[in-house]
Amino acid sequence: MQQDGHSGDSGDYIPPASKGPSLNDLAKQWIARFESCARSRKYDNLVKLFHEKVVWCGLESNICANLTQAIEKECKEVWPGQLAFSIDLARAIILPDAQSVVMIAPWVSRGLIAGSAAKEGRVTFVLGIFENGKLLGLHAHFSINPAVSIKKG
């Protein structure tokens, strides 16, 4: 992987510069761009947000081993049937370090059928920090909230 995170094989991450927005702020900006892609179904814009070798676990597919698979098997299968997708940044857990940012947050959307119930779930993103503090998604995991909690008795 080169410093831009899109090709090569060095695997080195470049920590962000000490000046400028915090990693938390950059992560929130990244989420806003992701939400925009999901709502507008602008699949091509995901190339700007994710590493080409992202590992994506989704609602329709078990594991997608690259961005092309994620777009074809997950995004194009799930997003067209959803409205009002949003990630709750107020409840997000953002864990930055020198090489990456882990974000875990609840999400909600509605189906296209009038009166359809909201779908709720949670998402985990792992973002690598590349040249000039650029964040690229290395892992995405979407899941639906359990309908019934299981309590051990």
N, C-alpha and C. Protein backbone atom coordinates (compact mmCIF):
# COMPACT_ATOMS: atom_id res chain seq x y z
N MET A 1 0.84 -1.17 0.00
CA MET A 1 0.00 0.00 0.00
C MET A 1 0.88 1.23 0.00
N GLN A 2 0.66 2.13 -0.92
CA GLN A 2 1.41 3.37 -0.92
C GLN A 2 0.81 4.31 0.09
N GLN A 3 1.44 5.46 0.27
CA GLN A 3 0.97 6.40 1.26
C GLN A 3 -0.43 6.90 0.99
N ASP A 4 -0.89 6.86 -0.26
CA ASP A 4 -2.26 7.30 -0.53
C ASP A 4 -3.27 6.22 -0.19
N GLY A 5 -2.80 5.01 0.15
CA GLY A 5 -3.68 3.94 0.58
C GLY A 5 -4.37 3.20 -0.55
N HIS A 6 -4.02 3.46 -1.78
CA HIS A 6 -4.74 2.83 -2.87
C HIS A 6 -3.96 1.78 -3.63
N SER A 7 -2.64 1.71 -3.49
CA SER A 7 -1.90 0.68 -4.20
C SER A 7 -0.52 0.52 -3.59
N GLY A 8 0.21 -0.45 -4.06
CA GLY A 8 1.53 -0.73 -3.52
C GLY A 8 1.43 -1.74 -2.40
N ASP A 9 2.55 -2.02 -1.70
CA ASP A 9 2.47 -3.05 -0.68
C ASP A 9 3.31 -2.78 0.55
N SER A 10 3.68 -1.53 0.82
CA SER A 10 4.53 -1.26 1.98
C SER A 10 3.78 -1.43 3.29
N GLY A 11 2.45 -1.18 3.29
CA GLY A 11 1.65 -1.35 4.50
C GLY A 11 1.84 -0.27 5.54
N ASP A 12 2.64 0.75 5.26
CA ASP A 12 2.92 1.79 6.24
C ASP A 12 1.79 2.81 6.30
N TYR A 13 1.42 3.17 7.51
CA TYR A 13 0.47 4.25 7.73
C TYR A 13 1.25 5.52 8.01
N ILE A 14 0.69 6.63 7.66
CA ILE A 14 1.30 7.92 7.91
C ILE A 14 0.43 8.65 8.93
N PRO A 15 0.95 8.94 10.13
CA PRO A 15 0.12 9.64 11.11
C PRO A 15 -0.24 11.03 10.62
N PRO A 16 -1.40 11.55 11.04
CA PRO A 16 -1.81 12.87 10.59
C PRO A 16 -0.93 13.96 11.18
N ALA A 17 -0.93 15.11 10.52
CA ALA A 17 -0.20 16.26 11.03
C ALA A 17 -0.83 16.70 12.35
N SER A 18 -0.03 17.32 13.21
CA SER A 18 -0.54 17.70 14.53
C SER A 18 -1.46 18.91 14.48
N LYS A 19 -1.42 19.69 13.40
CA LYS A 19 -2.29 20.85 13.28
C LYS A 19 -3.49 20.48 12.42
N GLY A 20 -4.55 21.25 12.57
CA GLY A 20 -5.74 20.99 11.77
C GLY A 20 -6.80 20.30 12.61
N PRO A 21 -7.83 19.78 11.94
CA PRO A 21 -8.94 19.15 12.67
C PRO A 21 -8.48 17.93 13.47
N SER A 22 -9.15 17.67 14.56
CA SER A 22 -8.85 16.48 15.36
C SER A 22 -9.28 15.23 14.60
N LEU A 23 -8.77 14.08 15.00
CA LEU A 23 -9.19 12.83 14.38
C LEU A 23 -10.68 12.58 14.58
N ASN A 24 -11.21 12.98 15.74
CA ASN A 24 -12.66 12.84 15.96
C ASN A 24 -13.43 13.65 14.93
N ASP A 25 -12.99 14.90 14.69
CA ASP A 25 -13.66 15.74 13.70
C ASP A 25 -13.53 15.16 12.30
N LEU A 26 -12.35 14.68 11.95
CA LEU A 26 -12.15 14.06 10.63
C LEU A 26 -13.03 12.83 10.47
N ALA A 27 -13.16 12.04 11.53
CA ALA A 27 -14.00 10.85 11.48
C ALA A 27 -15.47 11.24 11.28
N LYS A 28 -15.92 12.28 11.95
CA LYS A 28 -17.31 12.73 11.79
C LYS A 28 -17.55 13.26 10.37
N GLN A 29 -16.56 13.94 9.81
CA GLN A 29 -16.67 14.41 8.43
C GLN A 29 -16.73 13.21 7.47
N TRP A 30 -15.95 12.19 7.75
CA TRP A 30 -15.95 10.98 6.93
C TRP A 30 -17.33 10.33 6.97
N ILE A 31 -17.92 10.24 8.17
CA ILE A 31 -19.26 9.66 8.31
C ILE A 31 -20.27 10.46 7.51
N ALA A 32 -20.20 11.79 7.56
CA ALA A 32 -21.14 12.63 6.80
C ALA A 32 -21.03 12.34 5.31
N ARG A 33 -19.81 12.16 4.81
CA ARG A 33 -19.63 11.84 3.39
C ARG A 33 -20.18 10.45 3.07
N PHE A 34 -19.98 9.49 4.00
CA PHE A 34 -20.52 8.15 3.79
C PHE A 34 -22.05 8.20 3.74
N GLU A 35 -22.67 8.89 4.69
CA GLU A 35 -24.13 9.01 4.70
C GLU A 35 -24.63 9.61 3.38
N SER A 36 -23.93 10.61 2.89
CA SER A 36 -24.32 11.25 1.63
C SER A 36 -24.28 10.24 0.49
N CYS A 37 -23.24 9.41 0.44
CA CYS A 37 -23.15 8.36 -0.59
C CYS A 37 -24.32 7.40 -0.48
N ALA A 38 -24.64 6.97 0.73
CA ALA A 38 -25.72 6.00 0.94
C ALA A 38 -27.07 6.60 0.54
N ARG A 39 -27.33 7.82 0.95
CA ARG A 39 -28.62 8.45 0.64
C ARG A 39 -28.79 8.72 -0.84
N SER A 40 -27.73 9.17 -1.50
CA SER A 40 -27.81 9.55 -2.91
C SER A 40 -27.53 8.37 -3.84
N ARG A 41 -27.07 7.26 -3.26
CA ARG A 41 -26.70 6.07 -4.02
C ARG A 41 -25.58 6.38 -5.03
N LYS A 42 -24.66 7.20 -4.60
CA LYS A 42 -23.50 7.57 -5.43
C LYS A 42 -22.37 6.58 -5.13
N TYR A 43 -22.49 5.40 -5.70
CA TYR A 43 -21.54 4.32 -5.43
C TYR A 43 -20.11 4.68 -5.81
N ASP A 44 -19.95 5.42 -6.90
CA ASP A 44 -18.61 5.79 -7.35
C ASP A 44 -17.87 6.65 -6.34
N ASN A 45 -18.61 7.41 -5.52
CA ASN A 45 -17.97 8.26 -4.51
C ASN A 45 -17.36 7.46 -3.37
N LEU A 46 -17.75 6.20 -3.23
CA LEU A 46 -17.17 5.36 -2.18
C LEU A 46 -15.68 5.14 -2.40
N VAL A 47 -15.24 5.24 -3.65
CA VAL A 47 -13.82 5.07 -3.97
C VAL A 47 -12.97 6.10 -3.21
N LYS A 48 -13.55 7.26 -2.92
CA LYS A 48 -12.84 8.31 -2.20
C LYS A 48 -12.80 8.05 -0.69
N LEU A 49 -13.65 7.14 -0.21
CA LEU A 49 -13.78 6.90 1.23
C LEU A 49 -13.16 5.59 1.71
N PHE A 50 -13.04 4.62 0.82
CA PHE A 50 -12.59 3.28 1.22
C PHE A 50 -11.34 2.87 0.47
N HIS A 51 -10.52 2.10 1.15
CA HIS A 51 -9.38 1.45 0.53
C HIS A 51 -9.91 0.41 -0.44
N GLU A 52 -9.20 0.17 -1.53
CA GLU A 52 -9.66 -0.81 -2.52
C GLU A 52 -9.73 -2.23 -1.94
N LYS A 53 -8.98 -2.50 -0.87
CA LYS A 53 -8.98 -3.83 -0.26
C LYS A 53 -9.77 -3.85 1.05
N VAL A 54 -10.78 -2.99 1.14
CA VAL A 54 -11.63 -2.97 2.33
C VAL A 54 -12.26 -4.36 2.54
N VAL A 55 -12.42 -4.74 3.78
CA VAL A 55 -13.16 -5.95 4.13
C VAL A 55 -14.48 -5.48 4.70
N TRP A 56 -15.58 -5.86 4.06
CA TRP A 56 -16.91 -5.33 4.37
C TRP A 56 -17.82 -6.49 4.74
N CYS A 57 -18.40 -6.45 5.91
CA CYS A 57 -19.40 -7.42 6.34
C CYS A 57 -20.73 -6.68 6.40
N GLY A 58 -21.71 -7.21 5.70
CA GLY A 58 -22.94 -6.43 5.57
C GLY A 58 -24.20 -7.18 5.91
N LEU A 59 -25.31 -6.59 5.46
CA LEU A 59 -26.63 -7.12 5.73
C LEU A 59 -27.04 -8.18 4.72
N GLU A 60 -26.50 -8.12 3.51
CA GLU A 60 -26.87 -9.04 2.44
C GLU A 60 -25.79 -10.07 2.14
N SER A 61 -24.57 -9.77 2.47
CA SER A 61 -23.47 -10.68 2.14
C SER A 61 -22.63 -10.93 3.39
N ASN A 62 -22.00 -12.09 3.42
CA ASN A 62 -21.18 -12.42 4.58
C ASN A 62 -19.93 -11.55 4.64
N ILE A 63 -19.04 -11.73 3.68
CA ILE A 63 -17.78 -10.97 3.66
C ILE A 63 -17.49 -10.57 2.22
N CYS A 64 -17.24 -9.29 2.03
CA CYS A 64 -16.76 -8.78 0.75
C CYS A 64 -15.30 -8.43 0.96
N ALA A 65 -14.43 -8.94 0.11
CA ALA A 65 -12.98 -8.81 0.31
C ALA A 65 -12.36 -7.63 -0.42
N ASN A 66 -13.18 -6.80 -1.07
CA ASN A 66 -12.66 -5.60 -1.71
C ASN A 66 -13.81 -4.65 -1.98
N LEU A 67 -13.48 -3.45 -2.39
CA LEU A 67 -14.49 -2.41 -2.57
C LEU A 67 -15.45 -2.74 -3.71
N THR A 68 -14.95 -3.32 -4.78
CA THR A 68 -15.83 -3.67 -5.90
C THR A 68 -16.90 -4.65 -5.45
N GLN A 69 -16.51 -5.69 -4.70
CA GLN A 69 -17.49 -6.65 -4.18
C GLN A 69 -18.47 -5.97 -3.24
N ALA A 70 -17.97 -5.10 -2.37
CA ALA A 70 -18.84 -4.42 -1.40
C ALA A 70 -19.90 -3.58 -2.12
N ILE A 71 -19.49 -2.87 -3.14
CA ILE A 71 -20.44 -2.04 -3.89
C ILE A 71 -21.47 -2.92 -4.60
N GLU A 72 -21.01 -3.96 -5.29
CA GLU A 72 -21.91 -4.81 -6.07
C GLU A 72 -22.82 -5.68 -5.19
N LYS A 73 -22.26 -6.30 -4.17
CA LYS A 73 -23.01 -7.28 -3.38
C LYS A 73 -23.73 -6.68 -2.17
N GLU A 74 -23.32 -5.51 -1.74
CA GLU A 74 -23.92 -4.93 -0.53
C GLU A 74 -24.62 -3.61 -0.85
N CYS A 75 -23.87 -2.62 -1.27
CA CYS A 75 -24.45 -1.29 -1.46
C CYS A 75 -25.58 -1.29 -2.49
N LYS A 76 -25.33 -1.90 -3.65
CA LYS A 76 -26.34 -1.90 -4.71
C LYS A 76 -27.53 -2.80 -4.39
N GLU A 77 -27.37 -3.71 -3.44
CA GLU A 77 -28.46 -4.59 -3.03
C GLU A 77 -29.29 -3.98 -1.89
N VAL A 78 -28.67 -3.23 -1.01
CA VAL A 78 -29.35 -2.73 0.19
C VAL A 78 -29.83 -1.29 0.01
N TRP A 79 -28.97 -0.41 -0.45
CA TRP A 79 -29.29 1.02 -0.47
C TRP A 79 -30.51 1.39 -1.30
N PRO A 80 -30.76 0.77 -2.46
CA PRO A 80 -31.91 1.20 -3.24
C PRO A 80 -33.26 1.02 -2.51
N GLY A 81 -33.32 0.12 -1.56
CA GLY A 81 -34.58 -0.12 -0.84
C GLY A 81 -34.72 0.67 0.45
N GLN A 82 -33.83 1.62 0.67
CA GLN A 82 -33.84 2.35 1.95
C GLN A 82 -34.01 3.86 1.75
N LEU A 83 -34.64 4.49 2.73
CA LEU A 83 -34.78 5.93 2.79
C LEU A 83 -34.24 6.44 4.12
N ALA A 84 -33.86 7.66 4.15
CA ALA A 84 -33.52 8.36 5.39
C ALA A 84 -32.47 7.64 6.22
N PHE A 85 -31.46 7.07 5.56
CA PHE A 85 -30.37 6.41 6.28
C PHE A 85 -29.59 7.46 7.06
N SER A 86 -29.34 7.16 8.32
CA SER A 86 -28.49 8.07 9.11
C SER A 86 -27.74 7.30 10.18
N ILE A 87 -26.60 7.84 10.52
CA ILE A 87 -25.76 7.30 11.60
C ILE A 87 -25.82 8.30 12.74
N ASP A 88 -26.07 7.82 13.94
CA ASP A 88 -26.23 8.68 15.11
C ASP A 88 -24.87 9.06 15.68
N LEU A 89 -24.35 10.19 15.23
CA LEU A 89 -23.03 10.64 15.69
C LEU A 89 -23.03 11.00 17.17
N ALA A 90 -24.16 11.41 17.70
CA ALA A 90 -24.23 11.77 19.12
C ALA A 90 -23.96 10.55 20.00
N ARG A 91 -24.26 9.37 19.51
CA ARG A 91 -24.05 8.14 20.28
C ARG A 91 -22.85 7.34 19.78
N ALA A 92 -22.11 7.91 18.85
CA ALA A 92 -20.96 7.20 18.27
C ALA A 92 -19.82 7.10 19.29
N ILE A 93 -19.14 5.99 19.23
CA ILE A 93 -17.90 5.80 19.98
C ILE A 93 -16.78 5.91 18.95
N ILE A 94 -15.88 6.86 19.15
CA ILE A 94 -14.78 7.09 18.22
C ILE A 94 -13.48 6.89 18.98
N LEU A 95 -12.68 5.93 18.52
CA LEU A 95 -11.44 5.56 19.20
C LEU A 95 -10.26 5.76 18.26
N PRO A 96 -9.64 6.94 18.30
CA PRO A 96 -8.49 7.18 17.44
C PRO A 96 -7.18 6.77 18.09
N ASP A 97 -6.22 6.38 17.28
CA ASP A 97 -4.84 6.21 17.74
C ASP A 97 -3.93 6.70 16.61
N ALA A 98 -2.67 6.41 16.66
CA ALA A 98 -1.72 6.94 15.69
C ALA A 98 -1.87 6.35 14.30
N GLN A 99 -2.49 5.18 14.18
CA GLN A 99 -2.58 4.51 12.88
C GLN A 99 -3.99 4.37 12.34
N SER A 100 -4.99 4.47 13.21
CA SER A 100 -6.34 4.20 12.75
C SER A 100 -7.37 4.88 13.64
N VAL A 101 -8.60 4.85 13.16
CA VAL A 101 -9.74 5.32 13.94
C VAL A 101 -10.79 4.21 13.87
N VAL A 102 -11.25 3.77 15.02
CA VAL A 102 -12.35 2.81 15.09
C VAL A 102 -13.59 3.59 15.49
N MET A 103 -14.67 3.39 14.75
CA MET A 103 -15.93 4.06 15.05
C MET A 103 -17.03 3.02 15.14
N ILE A 104 -17.83 3.12 16.19
CA ILE A 104 -18.97 2.24 16.38
C ILE A 104 -20.16 3.15 16.66
N ALA A 105 -21.25 2.96 15.91
CA ALA A 105 -22.38 3.86 16.07
C ALA A 105 -23.68 3.17 15.65
N PRO A 106 -24.79 3.61 16.23
CA PRO A 106 -26.09 3.12 15.76
C PRO A 106 -26.48 3.79 14.45
N TRP A 107 -27.27 3.08 13.65
CA TRP A 107 -27.81 3.64 12.41
C TRP A 107 -29.30 3.33 12.33
N VAL A 108 -30.00 4.07 11.49
CA VAL A 108 -31.43 3.84 11.28
C VAL A 108 -31.78 4.19 9.84
N SER A 109 -32.76 3.47 9.28
CA SER A 109 -33.29 3.79 7.95
C SER A 109 -34.72 3.28 7.87
N ARG A 110 -35.42 3.67 6.83
CA ARG A 110 -36.77 3.19 6.56
C ARG A 110 -36.79 2.55 5.18
N GLY A 111 -37.69 1.62 5.00
CA GLY A 111 -37.88 1.03 3.68
C GLY A 111 -38.69 1.95 2.79
N LEU A 112 -38.73 1.64 1.49
CA LEU A 112 -39.44 2.48 0.53
C LEU A 112 -40.95 2.35 0.59
N ILE A 113 -41.46 1.27 1.13
CA ILE A 113 -42.90 1.05 1.19
C ILE A 113 -43.49 1.97 2.26
N ALA A 114 -44.56 2.69 1.89
CA ALA A 114 -45.20 3.62 2.81
C ALA A 114 -45.58 2.90 4.10
N GLY A 115 -45.25 3.51 5.22
CA GLY A 115 -45.58 2.95 6.53
C GLY A 115 -44.63 1.86 6.99
N SER A 116 -43.59 1.59 6.24
CA SER A 116 -42.65 0.55 6.67
C SER A 116 -41.93 0.98 7.95
N ALA A 117 -41.67 0.01 8.76
CA ALA A 117 -41.02 0.28 10.05
C ALA A 117 -39.56 0.68 9.85
N ALA A 118 -39.08 1.45 10.79
CA ALA A 118 -37.66 1.82 10.76
C ALA A 118 -36.82 0.57 11.02
N LYS A 119 -35.71 0.50 10.34
CA LYS A 119 -34.73 -0.55 10.60
C LYS A 119 -33.61 0.10 11.39
N GLU A 120 -33.21 -0.58 12.44
CA GLU A 120 -32.14 -0.04 13.27
C GLU A 120 -31.03 -1.06 13.38
N GLY A 121 -29.82 -0.56 13.48
CA GLY A 121 -28.69 -1.44 13.61
C GLY A 121 -27.49 -0.69 14.13
N ARG A 122 -26.34 -1.30 13.94
CA ARG A 122 -25.10 -0.64 14.36
C ARG A 122 -24.05 -0.94 13.31
N VAL A 123 -23.09 -0.04 13.25
CA VAL A 123 -22.02 -0.15 12.28
C VAL A 123 -20.69 0.05 12.98
N THR A 124 -19.71 -0.68 12.52
CA THR A 124 -18.33 -0.48 12.96
C THR A 124 -17.51 -0.18 11.71
N PHE A 125 -16.75 0.90 11.78
CA PHE A 125 -15.81 1.24 10.72
C PHE A 125 -14.41 1.26 11.32
N VAL A 126 -13.45 0.74 10.59
CA VAL A 126 -12.05 0.91 10.93
C VAL A 126 -11.45 1.72 9.78
N LEU A 127 -10.94 2.90 10.12
CA LEU A 127 -10.36 3.79 9.13
C LEU A 127 -8.85 3.84 9.32
N GLY A 128 -8.11 3.64 8.25
CA GLY A 128 -6.67 3.82 8.30
C GLY A 128 -6.34 5.29 8.09
N ILE A 129 -5.27 5.73 8.71
CA ILE A 129 -4.81 7.11 8.56
C ILE A 129 -3.64 7.10 7.58
N PHE A 130 -3.82 7.80 6.47
CA PHE A 130 -2.83 7.81 5.42
C PHE A 130 -2.22 9.20 5.26
N GLU A 131 -1.49 9.38 4.19
CA GLU A 131 -0.77 10.64 3.94
C GLU A 131 -1.67 11.85 4.17
N ASN A 132 -1.10 12.85 4.86
CA ASN A 132 -1.79 14.11 5.16
C ASN A 132 -3.05 13.91 6.00
N GLY A 133 -3.09 12.82 6.77
CA GLY A 133 -4.23 12.58 7.64
C GLY A 133 -5.47 12.08 6.94
N LYS A 134 -5.36 11.68 5.68
CA LYS A 134 -6.52 11.17 4.95
C LYS A 134 -6.99 9.87 5.57
N LEU A 135 -8.30 9.76 5.78
CA LEU A 135 -8.90 8.55 6.34
C LEU A 135 -9.51 7.73 5.21
N LEU A 136 -9.19 6.43 5.20
CA LEU A 136 -9.78 5.50 4.25
C LEU A 136 -10.31 4.30 5.02
N GLY A 137 -11.51 3.87 4.67
CA GLY A 137 -12.10 2.71 5.33
C GLY A 137 -11.38 1.43 4.97
N LEU A 138 -10.95 0.71 6.01
CA LEU A 138 -10.31 -0.58 5.84
C LEU A 138 -11.27 -1.72 6.17
N HIS A 139 -12.27 -1.43 7.00
CA HIS A 139 -13.25 -2.43 7.41
C HIS A 139 -14.57 -1.74 7.70
N ALA A 140 -15.66 -2.38 7.28
CA ALA A 140 -17.01 -1.93 7.60
C ALA A 140 -17.82 -3.16 8.01
N HIS A 141 -18.58 -3.02 9.07
CA HIS A 141 -19.44 -4.13 9.52
C HIS A 141 -20.79 -3.56 9.92
N PHE A 142 -21.81 -3.89 9.15
CA PHE A 142 -23.17 -3.46 9.43
C PHE A 142 -23.95 -4.63 10.00
N SER A 143 -24.78 -4.36 10.98
CA SER A 143 -25.66 -5.39 11.51
C SER A 143 -26.98 -4.75 11.95
N ILE A 144 -28.00 -5.58 12.00
CA ILE A 144 -29.33 -5.17 12.44
C ILE A 144 -29.41 -5.45 13.94
N ASN A 145 -30.07 -4.56 14.68
CA ASN A 145 -30.26 -4.80 16.11
C ASN A 145 -31.07 -6.07 16.32
N PRO A 146 -30.75 -6.83 17.35
CA PRO A 146 -31.53 -8.03 17.63
C PRO A 146 -32.98 -7.65 17.95
N ALA A 147 -33.94 -8.41 17.42
CA ALA A 147 -35.35 -8.12 17.67
C ALA A 147 -35.72 -8.45 19.11
N VAL A 148 -35.09 -9.48 19.65
CA VAL A 148 -35.42 -9.90 21.02
C VAL A 148 -34.11 -10.10 21.77
N SER A 149 -34.03 -9.50 22.94
CA SER A 149 -32.82 -9.70 23.72
C SER A 149 -32.87 -11.08 24.36
N ILE A 150 -31.73 -11.70 24.48
CA ILE A 150 -31.63 -13.02 25.09
C ILE A 150 -30.96 -12.82 26.45
N LYS A 151 -31.69 -13.23 27.47
CA LYS A 151 -31.15 -13.09 28.82
C LYS A 151 -30.90 -14.48 29.39
N LYS A 152 -29.73 -14.63 29.98
CA LYS A 152 -29.43 -15.90 30.63
C LYS A 152 -30.05 -15.87 32.02
N GLY A 153 -30.63 -16.95 32.38
CA GLY A 153 -31.34 -16.96 33.66
C GLY A 153 -30.86 -17.90 34.61
